[in-house]
């Protein structure tokens, strides 16, 4: 049994903790907001990806609207339940995108297998 009574790490000051929280929140909200605007605008790059994944184009407007609303919800202070739902929605959107990309093997065709050497001295197979 140990008699060590000192904490192993010093606790963060409340200001530093708040600054870290808001920095991370702003990053997530910015990604959601920009991605949502791109979805609503149906940029050609985004539209092509969604079409390749097999989703209809109207899905972009629906998903983009929810992303913009989630970004706004994350920036509203003192609404923990609203933020919880916004983070849950972002989690479902990101994991759904991951599964969609993996099941269609989108973006994996340009990757080389582990241990395979690049051709002609370039980084591409």
C-alpha atoms as a PDB file:
ATOM      1  CA  UNK A   1       0.000   0.000   0.000  1.00  0.00           C
ATOM      2  CA  UNK A   2       1.394   3.359  -1.030  1.00  0.00           C
ATOM      3  CA  UNK A   3       1.423   6.469   1.140  1.00  0.00           C
ATOM      4  CA  UNK A   4       1.966   8.873  -1.758  1.00  0.00           C
ATOM      5  CA  UNK A   5      -0.419  11.760  -1.124  1.00  0.00           C
ATOM      6  CA  UNK A   6       0.601  14.254  -3.792  1.00  0.00           C
ATOM      7  CA  UNK A   7      -1.309  14.334  -7.092  1.00  0.00           C
ATOM      8  CA  UNK A   8       0.643  13.149 -10.120  1.00  0.00           C
ATOM      9  CA  UNK A   9      -0.482  16.084 -12.250  1.00  0.00           C
ATOM     10  CA  UNK A  10      -1.423  19.604 -11.383  1.00  0.00           C
ATOM     11  CA  UNK A  11      -5.050  20.488 -12.172  1.00  0.00           C
ATOM     12  CA  UNK A  12      -5.629  22.932 -15.011  1.00  0.00           C
ATOM     13  CA  UNK A  13      -6.698  26.411 -14.170  1.00  0.00           C
ATOM     14  CA  UNK A  14     -10.361  27.127 -14.977  1.00  0.00           C
ATOM     15  CA  UNK A  15      -9.383  29.718 -17.597  1.00  0.00           C
ATOM     16  CA  UNK A  16      -7.043  27.332 -19.378  1.00  0.00           C
ATOM     17  CA  UNK A  17      -9.646  24.591 -19.271  1.00  0.00           C
ATOM     18  CA  UNK A  18     -12.306  26.928 -20.719  1.00  0.00           C
ATOM     19  CA  UNK A  19      -9.917  28.098 -23.436  1.00  0.00           C
ATOM     20  CA  UNK A  20      -9.186  24.508 -24.440  1.00  0.00           C
ATOM     21  CA  UNK A  21     -12.874  23.650 -24.465  1.00  0.00           C
ATOM     22  CA  UNK A  22     -13.801  26.603 -26.659  1.00  0.00           C
ATOM     23  CA  UNK A  23     -10.864  26.058 -29.017  1.00  0.00           C
ATOM     24  CA  UNK A  24     -11.946  22.462 -29.642  1.00  0.00           C
ATOM     25  CA  UNK A  25     -15.615  23.454 -29.895  1.00  0.00           C
ATOM     26  CA  UNK A  26     -14.888  26.182 -32.436  1.00  0.00           C
ATOM     27  CA  UNK A  27     -12.864  23.727 -34.554  1.00  0.00           C
ATOM     28  CA  UNK A  28     -15.701  21.186 -34.610  1.00  0.00           C
ATOM     29  CA  UNK A  29     -18.328  23.875 -35.220  1.00  0.00           C
ATOM     30  CA  UNK A  30     -16.281  25.379 -38.063  1.00  0.00           C
ATOM     31  CA  UNK A  31     -15.936  21.995 -39.743  1.00  0.00           C
ATOM     32  CA  UNK A  32     -19.647  21.323 -39.376  1.00  0.00           C
ATOM     33  CA  UNK A  33     -20.573  24.805 -40.581  1.00  0.00           C
ATOM     34  CA  UNK A  34     -18.293  24.842 -43.615  1.00  0.00           C
ATOM     35  CA  UNK A  35     -19.206  21.270 -44.527  1.00  0.00           C
ATOM     36  CA  UNK A  36     -22.884  22.079 -44.162  1.00  0.00           C
ATOM     37  CA  UNK A  37     -22.635  25.122 -46.420  1.00  0.00           C
ATOM     38  CA  UNK A  38     -20.767  23.038 -49.011  1.00  0.00           C
ATOM     39  CA  UNK A  39     -23.502  20.407 -48.821  1.00  0.00           C
ATOM     40  CA  UNK A  40     -26.311  22.939 -49.179  1.00  0.00           C
ATOM     41  CA  UNK A  41     -24.516  24.630 -52.095  1.00  0.00           C
ATOM     42  CA  UNK A  42     -24.041  21.205 -53.730  1.00  0.00           C
ATOM     43  CA  UNK A  43     -20.488  21.937 -54.803  1.00  0.00           C
ATOM     44  CA  UNK A  44     -19.465  19.731 -57.752  1.00  0.00           C
ATOM     45  CA  UNK A  45     -16.811  17.887 -55.731  1.00  0.00           C
ATOM     46  CA  UNK A  46     -19.220  17.098 -52.903  1.00  0.00           C
ATOM     47  CA  UNK A  47     -22.037  16.206 -55.315  1.00  0.00           C
ATOM     48  CA  UNK A  48     -19.765  13.768 -57.181  1.00  0.00           C
ATOM     49  CA  UNK A  49     -18.694  12.033 -53.968  1.00  0.00           C
ATOM     50  CA  UNK A  50     -22.285  11.654 -52.787  1.00  0.00           C
ATOM     51  CA  UNK A  51     -23.374  10.336 -56.203  1.00  0.00           C
ATOM     52  CA  UNK A  52     -20.504   7.835 -56.193  1.00  0.00           C
ATOM     53  CA  UNK A  53     -21.552   6.636 -52.736  1.00  0.00           C
ATOM     54  CA  UNK A  54     -25.061   6.011 -54.096  1.00  0.00           C
ATOM     55  CA  UNK A  55     -26.986   8.711 -52.243  1.00  0.00           C
ATOM     56  CA  UNK A  56     -29.501  11.014 -53.979  1.00  0.00           C
ATOM     57  CA  UNK A  57     -28.526  14.661 -54.425  1.00  0.00           C
ATOM     58  CA  UNK A  58     -31.314  15.955 -52.163  1.00  0.00           C
ATOM     59  CA  UNK A  59     -29.542  14.152 -49.315  1.00  0.00           C
ATOM     60  CA  UNK A  60     -26.908  16.919 -49.425  1.00  0.00           C
ATOM     61  CA  UNK A  61     -29.433  19.648 -48.602  1.00  0.00           C
ATOM     62  CA  UNK A  62     -30.872  17.642 -45.714  1.00  0.00           C
ATOM     63  CA  UNK A  63     -27.474  16.727 -44.286  1.00  0.00           C
ATOM     64  CA  UNK A  64     -26.077  20.221 -44.843  1.00  0.00           C
ATOM     65  CA  UNK A  65     -28.984  21.858 -43.050  1.00  0.00           C
ATOM     66  CA  UNK A  66     -28.515  19.609 -40.029  1.00  0.00           C
ATOM     67  CA  UNK A  67     -24.765  20.288 -40.003  1.00  0.00           C
ATOM     68  CA  UNK A  68     -25.270  24.060 -40.003  1.00  0.00           C
ATOM     69  CA  UNK A  69     -27.838  23.776 -37.208  1.00  0.00           C
ATOM     70  CA  UNK A  70     -25.460  21.564 -35.206  1.00  0.00           C
ATOM     71  CA  UNK A  71     -22.642  24.091 -35.653  1.00  0.00           C
ATOM     72  CA  UNK A  72     -24.899  26.850 -34.347  1.00  0.00           C
ATOM     73  CA  UNK A  73     -26.017  24.681 -31.425  1.00  0.00           C
ATOM     74  CA  UNK A  74     -22.425  24.017 -30.383  1.00  0.00           C
ATOM     75  CA  UNK A  75     -21.701  27.726 -30.142  1.00  0.00           C
ATOM     76  CA  UNK A  76     -24.708  28.539 -27.929  1.00  0.00           C
ATOM     77  CA  UNK A  77     -23.478  28.861 -24.337  1.00  0.00           C
ATOM     78  CA  UNK A  78     -25.025  27.014 -21.383  1.00  0.00           C
ATOM     79  CA  UNK A  79     -27.217  24.555 -23.279  1.00  0.00           C
ATOM     80  CA  UNK A  80     -25.683  21.160 -22.445  1.00  0.00           C
ATOM     81  CA  UNK A  81     -28.567  19.032 -23.739  1.00  0.00           C
ATOM     82  CA  UNK A  82     -28.603  20.881 -27.062  1.00  0.00           C
ATOM     83  CA  UNK A  83     -24.840  20.437 -27.404  1.00  0.00           C
ATOM     84  CA  UNK A  84     -25.124  16.771 -26.520  1.00  0.00           C
ATOM     85  CA  UNK A  85     -27.587  16.220 -29.361  1.00  0.00           C
ATOM     86  CA  UNK A  86     -25.409  18.236 -31.751  1.00  0.00           C
ATOM     87  CA  UNK A  87     -22.358  16.131 -30.909  1.00  0.00           C
ATOM     88  CA  UNK A  88     -24.420  12.945 -31.256  1.00  0.00           C
ATOM     89  CA  UNK A  89     -25.608  14.057 -34.692  1.00  0.00           C
ATOM     90  CA  UNK A  90     -22.060  14.886 -35.751  1.00  0.00           C
ATOM     91  CA  UNK A  91     -20.909  11.465 -34.532  1.00  0.00           C
ATOM     92  CA  UNK A  92     -23.613   9.728 -36.575  1.00  0.00           C
ATOM     93  CA  UNK A  93     -22.809  11.824 -39.661  1.00  0.00           C
ATOM     94  CA  UNK A  94     -19.069  11.128 -39.435  1.00  0.00           C
ATOM     95  CA  UNK A  95     -19.368   7.426 -38.705  1.00  0.00           C
ATOM     96  CA  UNK A  96     -21.994   7.080 -41.444  1.00  0.00           C
ATOM     97  CA  UNK A  97     -19.621   8.757 -43.882  1.00  0.00           C
ATOM     98  CA  UNK A  98     -16.799   6.463 -42.792  1.00  0.00           C
ATOM     99  CA  UNK A  99     -18.901   3.335 -43.253  1.00  0.00           C
ATOM    100  CA  UNK A 100     -20.209   4.572 -46.628  1.00  0.00           C
ATOM    101  CA  UNK A 101     -16.681   5.191 -47.876  1.00  0.00           C
ATOM    102  CA  UNK A 102     -15.397   1.847 -46.606  1.00  0.00           C
ATOM    103  CA  UNK A 103     -18.272  -0.226 -47.988  1.00  0.00           C
ATOM    104  CA  UNK A 104     -17.987   1.341 -51.451  1.00  0.00           C
ATOM    105  CA  UNK A 105     -14.173   1.315 -51.245  1.00  0.00           C
ATOM    106  CA  UNK A 106     -14.238   4.952 -52.315  1.00  0.00           C
ATOM    107  CA  UNK A 107     -10.795   6.521 -52.258  1.00  0.00           C
ATOM    108  CA  UNK A 108      -8.982   3.234 -51.665  1.00  0.00           C
ATOM    109  CA  UNK A 109      -8.189   2.522 -55.323  1.00  0.00           C
ATOM    110  CA  UNK A 110      -5.233   4.936 -55.328  1.00  0.00           C
ATOM    111  CA  UNK A 111      -3.626   3.395 -52.259  1.00  0.00           C
ATOM    112  CA  UNK A 112      -0.881   0.877 -52.534  1.00  0.00           C
ATOM    113  CA  UNK A 113      -0.701  -2.227 -50.431  1.00  0.00           C
ATOM    114  CA  UNK A 114       1.565  -2.306 -47.410  1.00  0.00           C
ATOM    115  CA  UNK A 115       5.119  -3.034 -48.458  1.00  0.00           C
ATOM    116  CA  UNK A 116       4.504  -2.284 -52.149  1.00  0.00           C
ATOM    117  CA  UNK A 117       7.169  -0.020 -53.642  1.00  0.00           C
ATOM    118  CA  UNK A 118       6.243   3.091 -55.596  1.00  0.00           C
ATOM    119  CA  UNK A 119       6.766   3.012 -59.368  1.00  0.00           C
ATOM    120  CA  UNK A 120       9.232   5.314 -61.177  1.00  0.00           C
ATOM    121  CA  UNK A 121      10.389   6.917 -57.955  1.00  0.00           C
ATOM    122  CA  UNK A 122       7.078   8.707 -57.317  1.00  0.00           C
ATOM    123  CA  UNK A 123       4.848   8.340 -54.311  1.00  0.00           C
ATOM    124  CA  UNK A 124       1.994   7.003 -56.434  1.00  0.00           C
ATOM    125  CA  UNK A 125       1.485   3.405 -57.522  1.00  0.00           C
END
